[in-house]
C-alpha atoms as a PDB file:
ATOM      1  CA  MET A   1      58.939 -73.211  35.359  1.00  0.00           C
ATOM      2  CA  THR A   2      56.340 -75.444  37.023  1.00  0.00           C
ATOM      3  CA  ASN A   3      56.162 -79.199  36.650  1.00  0.00           C
ATOM      4  CA  SER A   4      52.823 -78.861  34.860  1.00  0.00           C
ATOM      5  CA  PHE A   5      54.385 -76.473  32.328  1.00  0.00           C
ATOM      6  CA  HIS A   6      57.213 -78.902  31.612  1.00  0.00           C
ATOM      7  CA  GLU A   7      54.734 -81.761  31.332  1.00  0.00           C
ATOM      8  CA  ASN A   8      52.824 -79.748  28.736  1.00  0.00           C
ATOM      9  CA  GLN A   9      56.028 -78.992  26.811  1.00  0.00           C
ATOM     10  CA  ARG A  10      57.023 -82.644  26.866  1.00  0.00           C
ATOM     11  CA  ALA A  11      53.552 -83.590  25.613  1.00  0.00           C
ATOM     12  CA  ILE A  12      53.966 -81.183  22.672  1.00  0.00           C
ATOM     13  CA  LEU A  13      57.343 -82.707  21.936  1.00  0.00           C
ATOM     14  CA  GLN A  14      56.035 -86.269  22.152  1.00  0.00           C
ATOM     15  CA  ASN A  15      53.135 -85.433  19.829  1.00  0.00           C
ATOM     16  CA  TYR A  16      55.576 -83.949  17.327  1.00  0.00           C
ATOM     17  CA  VAL A  17      57.842 -86.991  17.511  1.00  0.00           C
ATOM     18  CA  LYS A  18      54.842 -89.227  16.793  1.00  0.00           C
ATOM     19  CA  THR A  19      54.180 -87.294  13.565  1.00  0.00           C
ATOM     20  CA  MET A  20      57.791 -87.558  12.364  1.00  0.00           C
ATOM     21  CA  PRO A  21      58.144 -89.720   9.261  1.00  0.00           C
ATOM     22  CA  SER A  22      59.502 -93.173   9.946  1.00  0.00           C
ATOM     23  CA  PHE A  23      62.507 -94.637   8.235  1.00  0.00           C
ATOM     24  CA  SER A  24      61.907 -96.372   4.946  1.00  0.00           C
ATOM     25  CA  PRO A  25      62.120-100.186   5.109  1.00  0.00           C
ATOM     26  CA  ALA A  26      65.507 -99.886   3.396  1.00  0.00           C
ATOM     27  CA  THR A  27      66.939 -97.499   5.983  1.00  0.00           C
ATOM     28  CA  ALA A  28      65.530 -99.531   8.883  1.00  0.00           C
ATOM     29  CA  LYS A  29      67.228-102.604   7.419  1.00  0.00           C
ATOM     30  CA  ILE A  30      70.515-100.700   7.006  1.00  0.00           C
ATOM     31  CA  VAL A  31      70.439 -99.669  10.674  1.00  0.00           C
ATOM     32  CA  GLN A  32      69.763-103.266  11.695  1.00  0.00           C
ATOM     33  CA  LEU A  33      72.631-104.578   9.567  1.00  0.00           C
ATOM     34  CA  SER A  34      74.953-101.795  10.750  1.00  0.00           C
ATOM     35  CA  ASN A  35      74.704-102.983  14.343  1.00  0.00           C
ATOM     36  CA  ASN A  36      76.264-106.310  13.322  1.00  0.00           C
ATOM     37  CA  LEU A  37      79.999-105.908  12.678  1.00  0.00           C
ATOM     38  CA  ASN A  38      80.005-109.159  10.702  1.00  0.00           C
ATOM     39  CA  THR A  39      77.334-108.135   8.189  1.00  0.00           C
ATOM     40  CA  PRO A  40      78.371-109.232   4.667  1.00  0.00           C
ATOM     41  CA  ALA A  41      78.827-106.331   2.237  1.00  0.00           C
ATOM     42  CA  ASN A  42      76.370-107.810  -0.278  1.00  0.00           C
ATOM     43  CA  GLU A  43      73.569-107.768   2.328  1.00  0.00           C
ATOM     44  CA  LEU A  44      74.117-104.062   2.966  1.00  0.00           C
ATOM     45  CA  VAL A  45      74.112-103.269  -0.756  1.00  0.00           C
ATOM     46  CA  SER A  46      70.906-105.278  -1.187  1.00  0.00           C
ATOM     47  CA  ALA A  47      69.274-103.288   1.635  1.00  0.00           C
ATOM     48  CA  ILE A  48      70.214 -99.940   0.055  1.00  0.00           C
ATOM     49  CA  ARG A  49      68.818-101.143  -3.298  1.00  0.00           C
ATOM     50  CA  LEU A  50      65.398-101.564  -1.661  1.00  0.00           C
ATOM     51  CA  ASP A  51      65.088 -97.775  -1.930  1.00  0.00           C
ATOM     52  CA  PRO A  52      65.883 -96.465  -5.455  1.00  0.00           C
ATOM     53  CA  VAL A  53      65.909 -92.831  -4.263  1.00  0.00           C
ATOM     54  CA  LEU A  54      68.397 -93.617  -1.494  1.00  0.00           C
ATOM     55  CA  THR A  55      70.499 -95.596  -3.970  1.00  0.00           C
ATOM     56  CA  GLY A  56      70.598 -92.579  -6.283  1.00  0.00           C
ATOM     57  CA  LYS A  57      71.598 -90.210  -3.485  1.00  0.00           C
ATOM     58  CA  VAL A  58      74.420 -92.507  -2.375  1.00  0.00           C
ATOM     59  CA  LEU A  59      75.722 -92.614  -5.943  1.00  0.00           C
ATOM     60  CA  GLN A  60      75.495 -88.819  -6.165  1.00  0.00           C
ATOM     61  CA  LEU A  61      77.593 -88.544  -3.017  1.00  0.00           C
ATOM     62  CA  VAL A  62      80.125 -91.097  -4.213  1.00  0.00           C
ATOM     63  CA  ASN A  63      80.642 -89.082  -7.406  1.00  0.00           C
ATOM     64  CA  SER A  64      80.798 -85.712  -5.642  1.00  0.00           C
ATOM     65  CA  ALA A  65      83.809 -83.505  -4.954  1.00  0.00           C
ATOM     66  CA  TYR A  66      83.785 -84.840  -1.389  1.00  0.00           C
ATOM     67  CA  PHE A  67      85.418 -88.062  -2.595  1.00  0.00           C
ATOM     68  CA  SER A  68      87.012 -86.772  -5.832  1.00  0.00           C
ATOM     69  CA  LEU A  69      87.219 -90.218  -7.424  1.00  0.00           C
ATOM     70  CA  ALA A  70      89.088 -90.456 -10.716  1.00  0.00           C
ATOM     71  CA  GLN A  71      86.296 -92.384 -12.457  1.00  0.00           C
ATOM     72  CA  LYS A  72      82.536 -92.076 -12.348  1.00  0.00           C
ATOM     73  CA  VAL A  73      80.886 -94.794 -10.262  1.00  0.00           C
ATOM     74  CA  THR A  74      77.498 -96.006 -11.520  1.00  0.00           C
ATOM     75  CA  SER A  75      76.799 -99.014  -9.282  1.00  0.00           C
ATOM     76  CA  LEU A  76      76.732 -99.686  -5.558  1.00  0.00           C
ATOM     77  CA  ASN A  77      79.011-102.689  -5.991  1.00  0.00           C
ATOM     78  CA  ARG A  78      81.670-100.496  -7.610  1.00  0.00           C
ATOM     79  CA  ALA A  79      81.182 -97.840  -4.911  1.00  0.00           C
ATOM     80  CA  LEU A  80      81.756-100.529  -2.311  1.00  0.00           C
ATOM     81  CA  VAL A  81      85.073-101.463  -3.947  1.00  0.00           C
ATOM     82  CA  TYR A  82      86.280 -97.846  -3.918  1.00  0.00           C
ATOM     83  CA  LEU A  83      85.008 -96.729  -0.512  1.00  0.00           C
ATOM     84  CA  GLY A  84      84.388 -99.786   1.662  1.00  0.00           C
ATOM     85  CA  ILE A  85      81.363-101.032   3.570  1.00  0.00           C
ATOM     86  CA  ASN A  86      81.521 -98.532   6.467  1.00  0.00           C
ATOM     87  CA  THR A  87      81.619 -95.493   4.204  1.00  0.00           C
ATOM     88  CA  ILE A  88      78.705 -96.732   2.078  1.00  0.00           C
ATOM     89  CA  LYS A  89      76.710 -97.561   5.209  1.00  0.00           C
ATOM     90  CA  ASN A  90      77.236 -94.123   6.691  1.00  0.00           C
ATOM     91  CA  LEU A  91      76.531 -92.344   3.414  1.00  0.00           C
ATOM     92  CA  ALA A  92      73.175 -94.093   3.299  1.00  0.00           C
ATOM     93  CA  LEU A  93      72.338 -93.377   6.961  1.00  0.00           C
ATOM     94  CA  SER A  94      73.467 -89.741   6.811  1.00  0.00           C
ATOM     95  CA  THR A  95      71.459 -89.036   3.676  1.00  0.00           C
ATOM     96  CA  ALA A  96      68.346 -90.779   4.994  1.00  0.00           C
ATOM     97  CA  VAL A  97      68.376 -88.873   8.308  1.00  0.00           C
ATOM     98  CA  ILE A  98      68.926 -85.456   6.706  1.00  0.00           C
ATOM     99  CA  GLU A  99      66.174 -86.129   4.173  1.00  0.00           C
ATOM    100  CA  MET A 100      63.724 -86.954   6.976  1.00  0.00           C
ATOM    101  CA  PHE A 101      64.014 -83.419   8.335  1.00  0.00           C
ATOM    102  CA  GLU A 102      63.551 -81.544   5.072  1.00  0.00           C
ATOM    103  CA  SER A 103      60.658 -79.082   5.396  1.00  0.00           C
ATOM    104  CA  ARG A 104      58.521 -77.141   2.925  1.00  0.00           C
ATOM    105  CA  ASN A 105      58.239 -74.332   5.472  1.00  0.00           C
ATOM    106  CA  LYS A 106      60.859 -71.749   4.429  1.00  0.00           C
ATOM    107  CA  ASP A 107      61.035 -70.130   7.880  1.00  0.00           C
ATOM    108  CA  LEU A 108      61.619 -73.510   9.496  1.00  0.00           C
ATOM    109  CA  THR A 109      64.226 -74.409   6.889  1.00  0.00           C
ATOM    110  CA  GLU A 110      66.077 -71.163   7.640  1.00  0.00           C
ATOM    111  CA  LEU A 111      66.070 -71.984  11.353  1.00  0.00           C
ATOM    112  CA  VAL A 112      67.274 -75.569  10.886  1.00  0.00           C
ATOM    113  CA  ARG A 113      69.897 -74.974   8.191  1.00  0.00           C
ATOM    114  CA  PRO A 114      72.503 -73.406  10.547  1.00  0.00           C
ATOM    115  CA  VAL A 115      72.146 -76.382  12.895  1.00  0.00           C
ATOM    116  CA  TRP A 116      72.907 -78.760  10.029  1.00  0.00           C
ATOM    117  CA  ARG A 117      75.829 -76.558   8.990  1.00  0.00           C
ATOM    118  CA  HIS A 118      77.302 -76.758  12.503  1.00  0.00           C
ATOM    119  CA  SER A 119      76.663 -80.516  12.610  1.00  0.00           C
ATOM    120  CA  LEU A 120      78.468 -80.941   9.305  1.00  0.00           C
ATOM    121  CA  ALA A 121      81.410 -78.831  10.508  1.00  0.00           C
ATOM    122  CA  THR A 122      81.618 -80.933  13.674  1.00  0.00           C
ATOM    123  CA  ALA A 123      81.466 -84.136  11.620  1.00  0.00           C
ATOM    124  CA  VAL A 124      84.336 -83.014   9.389  1.00  0.00           C
ATOM    125  CA  CYS A 125      86.480 -81.886  12.338  1.00  0.00           C
ATOM    126  CA  SER A 126      85.783 -85.117  14.207  1.00  0.00           C
ATOM    127  CA  LYS A 127      86.845 -87.176  11.183  1.00  0.00           C
ATOM    128  CA  ILE A 128      90.011 -85.095  10.647  1.00  0.00           C
ATOM    129  CA  LEU A 129      91.009 -85.561  14.294  1.00  0.00           C
ATOM    130  CA  ALA A 130      90.228 -89.289  14.181  1.00  0.00           C
ATOM    131  CA  LYS A 131      92.562 -89.670  11.209  1.00  0.00           C
ATOM    132  CA  ALA A 132      95.256 -87.641  12.966  1.00  0.00           C
ATOM    133  CA  ALA A 133      94.897 -89.891  16.025  1.00  0.00           C
ATOM    134  CA  GLN A 134      95.337 -92.944  13.771  1.00  0.00           C
ATOM    135  CA  VAL A 135      91.912 -94.384  14.520  1.00  0.00           C
ATOM    136  CA  PRO A 136      91.546 -97.618  12.493  1.00  0.00           C
ATOM    137  CA  GLN A 137      90.308 -96.880   8.970  1.00  0.00           C
ATOM    138  CA  ALA A 138      87.252 -99.102   9.410  1.00  0.00           C
ATOM    139  CA  GLU A 139      86.070 -96.936  12.343  1.00  0.00           C
ATOM    140  CA  ILE A 140      86.741 -93.420  11.048  1.00  0.00           C
ATOM    141  CA  GLU A 141      83.370 -92.958   9.330  1.00  0.00           C
ATOM    142  CA  GLU A 142      81.679 -93.535  12.708  1.00  0.00           C
ATOM    143  CA  TYR A 143      83.284 -90.290  13.890  1.00  0.00           C
ATOM    144  CA  PHE A 144      81.819 -88.465  10.916  1.00  0.00           C
ATOM    145  CA  ILE A 145      78.270 -89.768  11.343  1.00  0.00           C
ATOM    146  CA  ALA A 146      78.408 -89.151  15.107  1.00  0.00           C
ATOM    147  CA  GLY A 147      79.314 -85.530  14.402  1.00  0.00           C
ATOM    148  CA  LEU A 148      76.604 -85.191  11.773  1.00  0.00           C
ATOM    149  CA  LEU A 149      73.933 -86.507  14.164  1.00  0.00           C
ATOM    150  CA  HIS A 150      75.201 -84.959  17.418  1.00  0.00           C
ATOM    151  CA  ASP A 151      72.686 -82.057  17.264  1.00  0.00           C
ATOM    152  CA  LEU A 152      69.786 -84.164  16.005  1.00  0.00           C
ATOM    153  CA  GLY A 153      67.893 -83.428  19.228  1.00  0.00           C
ATOM    154  CA  ARG A 154      68.306 -79.681  18.682  1.00  0.00           C
ATOM    155  CA  ILE A 155      66.779 -80.002  15.204  1.00  0.00           C
ATOM    156  CA  ILE A 156      63.815 -81.886  16.653  1.00  0.00           C
ATOM    157  CA  LEU A 157      63.314 -79.199  19.327  1.00  0.00           C
ATOM    158  CA  VAL A 158      63.512 -76.458  16.689  1.00  0.00           C
ATOM    159  CA  GLN A 159      60.893 -78.186  14.559  1.00  0.00           C
ATOM    160  CA  ALA A 160      58.607 -79.040  17.468  1.00  0.00           C
ATOM    161  CA  PHE A 161      58.674 -75.495  18.904  1.00  0.00           C
ATOM    162  CA  PHE A 162      59.870 -73.450  15.929  1.00  0.00           C
ATOM    163  CA  GLU A 163      57.258 -70.685  16.262  1.00  0.00           C
ATOM    164  CA  LYS A 164      58.540 -69.986  19.790  1.00  0.00           C
ATOM    165  CA  TYR A 165      62.153 -71.093  19.362  1.00  0.00           C
ATOM    166  CA  PRO A 166      64.830 -68.384  19.716  1.00  0.00           C
ATOM    167  CA  ASN A 167      66.119 -66.935  16.477  1.00  0.00           C
ATOM    168  CA  GLY A 168      69.348 -68.670  15.531  1.00  0.00           C
ATOM    169  CA  GLY A 169      68.201 -72.067  16.744  1.00  0.00           C
ATOM    170  CA  HIS A 170      70.617 -72.359  19.655  1.00  0.00           C
ATOM    171  CA  LEU A 171      70.030 -72.675  23.399  1.00  0.00           C
ATOM    172  CA  GLU A 172      72.379 -73.784  26.152  1.00  0.00           C
ATOM    173  CA  LEU A 173      71.525 -77.083  27.870  1.00  0.00           C
ATOM    174  CA  GLU A 174      70.354 -75.261  31.009  1.00  0.00           C
ATOM    175  CA  ASP A 175      68.020 -73.062  28.958  1.00  0.00           C
ATOM    176  CA  GLU A 176      66.583 -76.071  27.151  1.00  0.00           C
ATOM    177  CA  LYS A 177      65.917 -77.807  30.466  1.00  0.00           C
ATOM    178  CA  PHE A 178      64.258 -74.655  31.789  1.00  0.00           C
ATOM    179  CA  ARG A 179      62.050 -74.136  28.726  1.00  0.00           C
ATOM    180  CA  TYR A 180      61.185 -77.715  27.773  1.00  0.00           C
ATOM    181  CA  GLY A 181      62.026 -79.935  30.736  1.00  0.00           C
ATOM    182  CA  THR A 182      64.536 -81.824  28.576  1.00  0.00           C
ATOM    183  CA  THR A 183      67.683 -81.219  26.529  1.00  0.00           C
ATOM    184  CA  HIS A 184      68.618 -81.830  22.916  1.00  0.00           C
ATOM    185  CA  CYS A 185      71.039 -84.526  24.113  1.00  0.00           C
ATOM    186  CA  GLU A 186      68.212 -86.445  25.795  1.00  0.00           C
ATOM    187  CA  VAL A 187      65.946 -85.987  22.775  1.00  0.00           C
ATOM    188  CA  ALA A 188      68.672 -87.283  20.448  1.00  0.00           C
ATOM    189  CA  ALA A 189      69.300 -90.310  22.654  1.00  0.00           C
ATOM    190  CA  ASP A 190      65.590 -91.186  22.757  1.00  0.00           C
ATOM    191  CA  THR A 191      65.190 -90.761  18.993  1.00  0.00           C
ATOM    192  CA  LEU A 192      68.291 -92.725  18.004  1.00  0.00           C
ATOM    193  CA  SER A 193      67.292 -95.465  20.440  1.00  0.00           C
ATOM    194  CA  ARG A 194      63.864 -95.692  18.795  1.00  0.00           C
ATOM    195  CA  TRP A 195      65.588 -95.920  15.431  1.00  0.00           C
ATOM    196  CA  LYS A 196      67.749 -98.741  16.854  1.00  0.00           C
ATOM    197  CA  PHE A 197      71.131 -97.086  16.312  1.00  0.00           C
ATOM    198  CA  SER A 198      74.048 -98.707  18.123  1.00  0.00           C
ATOM    199  CA  GLU A 199      74.446 -98.067  21.848  1.00  0.00           C
ATOM    200  CA  HIS A 200      78.015 -96.761  21.533  1.00  0.00           C
ATOM    201  CA  LEU A 201      76.918 -94.128  18.994  1.00  0.00           C
ATOM    202  CA  ILE A 202      73.954 -93.073  21.134  1.00  0.00           C
ATOM    203  CA  GLU A 203      76.185 -92.770  24.203  1.00  0.00           C
ATOM    204  CA  ALA A 204      78.754 -90.679  22.310  1.00  0.00           C
ATOM    205  CA  ILE A 205      76.105 -88.258  21.044  1.00  0.00           C
ATOM    206  CA  SER A 206      74.135 -87.964  24.267  1.00  0.00           C
ATOM    207  CA  SER A 207      77.198 -87.244  26.426  1.00  0.00           C
ATOM    208  CA  ASN A 208      79.419 -85.230  24.068  1.00  0.00           C
ATOM    209  CA  HIS A 209      79.140 -82.076  26.209  1.00  0.00           C
ATOM    210  CA  ALA A 210      80.718 -83.922  29.154  1.00  0.00           C
ATOM    211  CA  PRO A 211      82.068 -87.268  27.920  1.00  0.00           C
ATOM    212  CA  THR A 212      83.574 -89.871  30.194  1.00  0.00           C
ATOM    213  CA  PRO A 213      87.151 -91.103  29.550  1.00  0.00           C
ATOM    214  CA  ALA A 214      85.738 -94.438  28.358  1.00  0.00           C
ATOM    215  CA  ASN A 215      83.700 -92.753  25.634  1.00  0.00           C
ATOM    216  CA  LYS A 216      86.286 -92.237  22.888  1.00  0.00           C
ATOM    217  CA  ILE A 217      83.999 -90.950  20.104  1.00  0.00           C
ATOM    218  CA  GLY A 218      82.259 -88.672  22.613  1.00  0.00           C
ATOM    219  CA  ASN A 219      85.601 -87.032  23.473  1.00  0.00           C
ATOM    220  CA  PHE A 220      86.426 -86.431  19.815  1.00  0.00           C
ATOM    221  CA  LEU A 221      82.963 -84.896  19.341  1.00  0.00           C
ATOM    222  CA  HIS A 222      83.504 -82.780  22.449  1.00  0.00           C
ATOM    223  CA  VAL A 223      86.700 -81.250  21.051  1.00  0.00           C
ATOM    224  CA  ALA A 224      85.445 -81.002  17.457  1.00  0.00           C
ATOM    225  CA  ASP A 225      82.266 -79.212  18.541  1.00  0.00           C
ATOM    226  CA  ALA A 226      84.222 -76.605  20.523  1.00  0.00           C
ATOM    227  CA  MET A 227      86.687 -76.071  17.695  1.00  0.00           C
ATOM    228  CA  THR A 228      83.969 -75.283  15.150  1.00  0.00           C
ATOM    229  CA  TYR A 229      83.137 -72.247  17.298  1.00  0.00           C
ATOM    230  CA  ARG A 230      86.725 -71.280  18.057  1.00  0.00           C
ATOM    231  CA  LEU A 231      87.687 -71.392  14.356  1.00  0.00           C
ATOM    232  CA  CYS A 232      84.399 -69.875  13.122  1.00  0.00           C
ATOM    233  CA  LEU A 233      83.556 -72.895  10.983  1.00  0.00           C
ATOM    234  CA  ASN A 234      79.792 -72.471  11.435  1.00  0.00           C
ATOM    235  CA  ASN A 235      79.532 -69.459   9.092  1.00  0.00           C
ATOM    236  CA  GLU A 236      79.885 -66.926  11.908  1.00  0.00           C
ATOM    237  CA  PRO A 237      81.454 -63.555  11.056  1.00  0.00           C
ATOM    238  CA  GLY A 238      85.010 -62.695  12.071  1.00  0.00           C
ATOM    239  CA  GLY A 239      88.139 -64.720  12.770  1.00  0.00           C
ATOM    240  CA  GLN A 240      88.958 -66.962  15.718  1.00  0.00           C
ATOM    241  CA  GLN A 241      86.586 -66.522  18.628  1.00  0.00           C
ATOM    242  CA  GLU A 242      87.804 -65.758  22.125  1.00  0.00           C
ATOM    243  CA  LYS A 243      84.814 -67.497  23.688  1.00  0.00           C
ATOM    244  CA  TYR A 244      83.854 -71.057  22.800  1.00  0.00           C
ATOM    245  CA  PRO A 245      82.598 -74.160  24.642  1.00  0.00           C
ATOM    246  CA  GLU A 246      85.024 -75.219  27.347  1.00  0.00           C
ATOM    247  CA  ILE A 247      87.017 -78.368  26.633  1.00  0.00           C
ATOM    248  CA  GLN A 248      87.559 -80.903  29.414  1.00  0.00           C
ATOM    249  CA  GLU A 249      91.208 -81.423  30.311  1.00  0.00           C
ATOM    250  CA  SER A 250      90.760 -85.188  30.114  1.00  0.00           C
ATOM    251  CA  ALA A 251      89.722 -84.942  26.459  1.00  0.00           C
ATOM    252  CA  TRP A 252      93.221 -83.971  25.281  1.00  0.00           C
ATOM    253  CA  ALA A 253      94.628 -87.195  26.716  1.00  0.00           C
ATOM    254  CA  ILE A 254      91.899 -89.269  25.029  1.00  0.00           C
ATOM    255  CA  LEU A 255      92.736 -87.676  21.682  1.00  0.00           C
ATOM    256  CA  GLY A 256      96.461 -88.045  22.272  1.00  0.00           C
ATOM    257  CA  MET A 257      96.945 -84.467  21.060  1.00  0.00           C
ATOM    258  CA  ASN A 258      97.449 -81.087  22.664  1.00  0.00           C
ATOM    259  CA  GLU A 259      95.636 -77.928  21.651  1.00  0.00           C
ATOM    260  CA  ALA A 260      98.383 -76.766  19.284  1.00  0.00           C
ATOM    261  CA  LYS A 261      98.354 -80.115  17.460  1.00  0.00           C
ATOM    262  CA  VAL A 262      94.555 -80.016  17.104  1.00  0.00           C
ATOM    263  CA  LEU A 263      94.661 -76.504  15.667  1.00  0.00           C
ATOM    264  CA  GLU A 264      97.344 -77.591  13.197  1.00  0.00           C
ATOM    265  CA  GLU A 265      95.324 -80.604  12.051  1.00  0.00           C
ATOM    266  CA  LEU A 266      92.183 -78.511  11.564  1.00  0.00           C
ATOM    267  CA  LYS A 267      93.788 -76.070   9.129  1.00  0.00           C
ATOM    268  CA  SER A 268      92.231 -78.069   6.289  1.00  0.00           C
ATOM    269  CA  ALA A 269      88.765 -78.037   7.884  1.00  0.00           C
ATOM    270  CA  PRO A 270      87.265 -75.075   5.915  1.00  0.00           C
ATOM    271  CA  GLU A 271      88.078 -76.732   2.577  1.00  0.00           C
ATOM    272  CA  GLN A 272      86.834 -80.120   3.781  1.00  0.00           C
ATOM    273  CA  ILE A 273      83.594 -78.617   5.089  1.00  0.00           C
ATOM    274  CA  GLU A 274      82.962 -76.908   1.765  1.00  0.00           C
ATOM    275  CA  LYS A 275      83.284 -80.279   0.033  1.00  0.00           C
ATOM    276  CA  ALA A 276      81.113 -81.992   2.631  1.00  0.00           C
ATOM    277  CA  GLU A 277      78.236 -79.532   2.173  1.00  0.00           C
ATOM    278  CA  VAL A 278      77.241 -81.802  -0.682  1.00  0.00           C
ATOM    279  CA  PHE A 279      75.604 -83.979   2.017  1.00  0.00           C
ATOM    280  CA  LEU A 280      73.063 -81.237   2.723  1.00  0.00           C
ATOM    281  CA  ASN A 281      72.518 -80.409  -0.939  1.00  0.00           C
ATOM    282  CA  ILE A 282      72.052 -83.971  -2.124  1.00  0.00           C
ATOM    283  CA  ALA A 283      69.733 -84.885   0.746  1.00  0.00           C
ATOM    284  CA  SER A 284      67.342 -82.120  -0.348  1.00  0.00           C
ATOM    285  CA  SER A 285      67.825 -82.757  -4.090  1.00  0.00           C
ATOM    286  CA  LYS A 286      64.838 -83.966  -6.087  1.00  0.00           C
ATOM    287  CA  GLU A 287      67.016 -85.324  -8.891  1.00  0.00           C
ATOM    288  CA  LEU A 288      66.540 -89.066  -9.405  1.00  0.00           C
ATOM    289  CA  VAL A 289      69.779 -90.840 -10.227  1.00  0.00           C
ATOM    290  CA  LYS A 290      69.414 -94.469 -11.303  1.00  0.00           C
ATOM    291  CA  GLU A 291      71.945 -97.188 -10.722  1.00  0.00           C
ATOM    292  CA  GLU A 292      73.369 -98.655 -13.914  1.00  0.00           C
ATOM    293  CA  PRO A 293      73.920-102.408 -14.361  1.00  0.00           C
END
């Protein structure tokens, strides 16, 4: 492809990005607060309350089968007690991002849905492996949200070029570079940077195909992503796949697990993914759930 062709493709992409809806003031505030590890819990709850729809979706998630709480939770303060500040923060961010990419175009929705399904599977696997590796509890939800957002750039490319995008919504990095002059990793990094997500999360997502040893979350994403294909967790037909993304040898050391241990830990993944699909369903739900006093 010529430089002029790639320049034209990048211009199309940039024009699309400009038309993307911006975060609500509540979500923008949540992102800002999330980048400060010392943010008081009450400030985060107050930011979520700025958006009644987002508040309702968080409460729907809290009361879903994903968490299986014994009692119904009707307030953000109570949810905070049960789940902690990091979980509530990431529930709000995950829901807000997914909702931004909901489309009324059925063909586009069909193209994007498998990408979200794979992202969700990767998020669940990443969280399972983080727990198995005894990552501190306060950090585990970061592994989930990193997995959920790791293909954000692919979703943007699908939506920007969906009339010409290959059926199935998946291209290798080399093919993306050839067609568009950029990759979904670069697009994700640019978008998350504009949204002011933390640098460590952006780095993990943008480099998960070839993470450096210093990038711990990126290595977990790297393994989790490959395993969703190997174990057919993306709704593909058949059993375990012979061919799946290659895993860097250095990644096993970062995880502190060998391949057999990872496969053992991921036996619960199908059940966990089924529970986690509530993220996709609630994000697109039009039901308005109000917080009770």
